[in-house]
């Protein structure tokens, strides 16, 4: 599977926050949903005993936390921008 330039692959071991900040709110929400689905699948595989790389669970959890933090930052800065435009 080839990843296009600027596209974040789900198999990236560690996604840099700089790249995530370039995404729009909808893209971040989509990525959170994708990673949560992956996390569910990893947990299921681990419970059944088929997961070989258990550290991937931790990586995915941390990536979800990064995405949620950046989404919160964008949401917090959005009203400030709207207030500046109103003046």
C-alpha atoms as a PDB file:
ATOM      1  CA  UNK A   1       0.000   0.000   0.000  1.00  0.00           C
ATOM      2  CA  UNK A   2       1.481   3.323  -1.061  1.00  0.00           C
ATOM      3  CA  UNK A   3       0.664   6.516   0.786  1.00  0.00           C
ATOM      4  CA  UNK A   4       0.333   9.709  -1.223  1.00  0.00           C
ATOM      5  CA  UNK A   5       2.292  12.728  -0.115  1.00  0.00           C
ATOM      6  CA  UNK A   6       0.472  14.545   2.680  1.00  0.00           C
ATOM      7  CA  UNK A   7      -1.719  11.547   3.499  1.00  0.00           C
ATOM      8  CA  UNK A   8      -1.289  10.026   6.929  1.00  0.00           C
ATOM      9  CA  UNK A   9      -1.240   6.260   6.851  1.00  0.00           C
ATOM     10  CA  UNK A  10      -2.772   4.277   9.697  1.00  0.00           C
ATOM     11  CA  UNK A  11       0.369   2.164   9.812  1.00  0.00           C
ATOM     12  CA  UNK A  12       2.611   5.115  10.762  1.00  0.00           C
ATOM     13  CA  UNK A  13       4.286   4.225  14.029  1.00  0.00           C
ATOM     14  CA  UNK A  14       4.210   7.778  15.322  1.00  0.00           C
ATOM     15  CA  UNK A  15       2.259  10.564  13.693  1.00  0.00           C
ATOM     16  CA  UNK A  16       3.869  13.971  14.137  1.00  0.00           C
ATOM     17  CA  UNK A  17       1.624  16.667  15.653  1.00  0.00           C
ATOM     18  CA  UNK A  18       2.806  19.158  13.011  1.00  0.00           C
ATOM     19  CA  UNK A  19       1.256  17.034  10.272  1.00  0.00           C
ATOM     20  CA  UNK A  20      -1.942  16.570  12.267  1.00  0.00           C
ATOM     21  CA  UNK A  21      -2.359  20.329  12.802  1.00  0.00           C
ATOM     22  CA  UNK A  22      -2.519  20.776   9.009  1.00  0.00           C
ATOM     23  CA  UNK A  23      -5.727  18.707   8.872  1.00  0.00           C
ATOM     24  CA  UNK A  24      -9.207  20.235   8.959  1.00  0.00           C
ATOM     25  CA  UNK A  25     -11.703  19.504  11.729  1.00  0.00           C
ATOM     26  CA  UNK A  26     -13.605  16.966   9.628  1.00  0.00           C
ATOM     27  CA  UNK A  27     -10.399  15.179   8.649  1.00  0.00           C
ATOM     28  CA  UNK A  28      -9.337  14.978  12.297  1.00  0.00           C
ATOM     29  CA  UNK A  29     -12.747  13.561  13.268  1.00  0.00           C
ATOM     30  CA  UNK A  30     -12.419  10.971  10.498  1.00  0.00           C
ATOM     31  CA  UNK A  31      -8.930   9.994  11.642  1.00  0.00           C
ATOM     32  CA  UNK A  32     -10.146   9.623  15.239  1.00  0.00           C
ATOM     33  CA  UNK A  33     -12.890   7.304  14.031  1.00  0.00           C
ATOM     34  CA  UNK A  34     -10.417   5.253  11.961  1.00  0.00           C
ATOM     35  CA  UNK A  35      -7.970   4.915  14.848  1.00  0.00           C
ATOM     36  CA  UNK A  36     -10.745   3.961  17.282  1.00  0.00           C
ATOM     37  CA  UNK A  37     -11.832   1.230  14.863  1.00  0.00           C
ATOM     38  CA  UNK A  38      -8.239   0.030  14.617  1.00  0.00           C
ATOM     39  CA  UNK A  39      -7.947   0.078  18.419  1.00  0.00           C
ATOM     40  CA  UNK A  40     -11.114  -2.017  18.728  1.00  0.00           C
ATOM     41  CA  UNK A  41      -9.725  -4.549  16.256  1.00  0.00           C
ATOM     42  CA  UNK A  42      -6.358  -4.669  18.036  1.00  0.00           C
ATOM     43  CA  UNK A  43      -8.026  -5.236  21.408  1.00  0.00           C
ATOM     44  CA  UNK A  44     -10.167  -7.984  19.930  1.00  0.00           C
ATOM     45  CA  UNK A  45      -7.121  -9.682  18.379  1.00  0.00           C
ATOM     46  CA  UNK A  46      -5.296  -9.396  21.702  1.00  0.00           C
ATOM     47  CA  UNK A  47      -8.200 -10.962  23.602  1.00  0.00           C
ATOM     48  CA  UNK A  48      -8.307 -13.908  21.203  1.00  0.00           C
ATOM     49  CA  UNK A  49      -4.526 -14.298  21.322  1.00  0.00           C
ATOM     50  CA  UNK A  50      -3.803 -13.440  17.682  1.00  0.00           C
ATOM     51  CA  UNK A  51      -2.039 -10.102  18.202  1.00  0.00           C
ATOM     52  CA  UNK A  52       1.713 -10.335  17.697  1.00  0.00           C
ATOM     53  CA  UNK A  53       2.655  -6.650  18.119  1.00  0.00           C
ATOM     54  CA  UNK A  54       0.982  -5.637  21.375  1.00  0.00           C
ATOM     55  CA  UNK A  55       2.823  -2.298  21.475  1.00  0.00           C
ATOM     56  CA  UNK A  56       0.647  -1.163  18.571  1.00  0.00           C
ATOM     57  CA  UNK A  57      -2.273  -0.795  21.030  1.00  0.00           C
ATOM     58  CA  UNK A  58      -0.299   1.791  22.986  1.00  0.00           C
ATOM     59  CA  UNK A  59       0.756   3.641  19.810  1.00  0.00           C
ATOM     60  CA  UNK A  60      -2.838   3.867  18.588  1.00  0.00           C
ATOM     61  CA  UNK A  61      -4.094   5.073  22.000  1.00  0.00           C
ATOM     62  CA  UNK A  62      -1.472   7.819  22.034  1.00  0.00           C
ATOM     63  CA  UNK A  63      -2.296   8.849  18.467  1.00  0.00           C
ATOM     64  CA  UNK A  64      -5.991   9.119  19.386  1.00  0.00           C
ATOM     65  CA  UNK A  65      -5.014  11.309  22.346  1.00  0.00           C
ATOM     66  CA  UNK A  66      -2.905  13.528  20.045  1.00  0.00           C
ATOM     67  CA  UNK A  67      -5.795  13.899  17.618  1.00  0.00           C
ATOM     68  CA  UNK A  68      -8.259  14.732  20.378  1.00  0.00           C
ATOM     69  CA  UNK A  69      -5.858  17.307  21.837  1.00  0.00           C
ATOM     70  CA  UNK A  70      -5.413  18.999  18.475  1.00  0.00           C
ATOM     71  CA  UNK A  71      -9.182  18.929  17.875  1.00  0.00           C
ATOM     72  CA  UNK A  72      -9.655  20.631  21.247  1.00  0.00           C
ATOM     73  CA  UNK A  73      -7.029  23.251  20.403  1.00  0.00           C
ATOM     74  CA  UNK A  74      -8.764  24.015  17.115  1.00  0.00           C
ATOM     75  CA  UNK A  75     -12.169  24.237  18.818  1.00  0.00           C
ATOM     76  CA  UNK A  76     -10.783  26.575  21.489  1.00  0.00           C
ATOM     77  CA  UNK A  77      -9.135  28.868  18.942  1.00  0.00           C
ATOM     78  CA  UNK A  78     -12.173  28.995  16.652  1.00  0.00           C
ATOM     79  CA  UNK A  79     -14.297  31.414  18.768  1.00  0.00           C
ATOM     80  CA  UNK A  80     -11.295  33.742  19.097  1.00  0.00           C
ATOM     81  CA  UNK A  81     -11.002  33.987  15.321  1.00  0.00           C
ATOM     82  CA  UNK A  82     -14.725  34.639  14.949  1.00  0.00           C
ATOM     83  CA  UNK A  83     -14.570  37.379  17.615  1.00  0.00           C
ATOM     84  CA  UNK A  84     -11.693  39.044  15.765  1.00  0.00           C
ATOM     85  CA  UNK A  85     -13.709  39.064  12.531  1.00  0.00           C
ATOM     86  CA  UNK A  86     -16.759  40.589  14.265  1.00  0.00           C
ATOM     87  CA  UNK A  87     -14.853  43.682  15.410  1.00  0.00           C
END
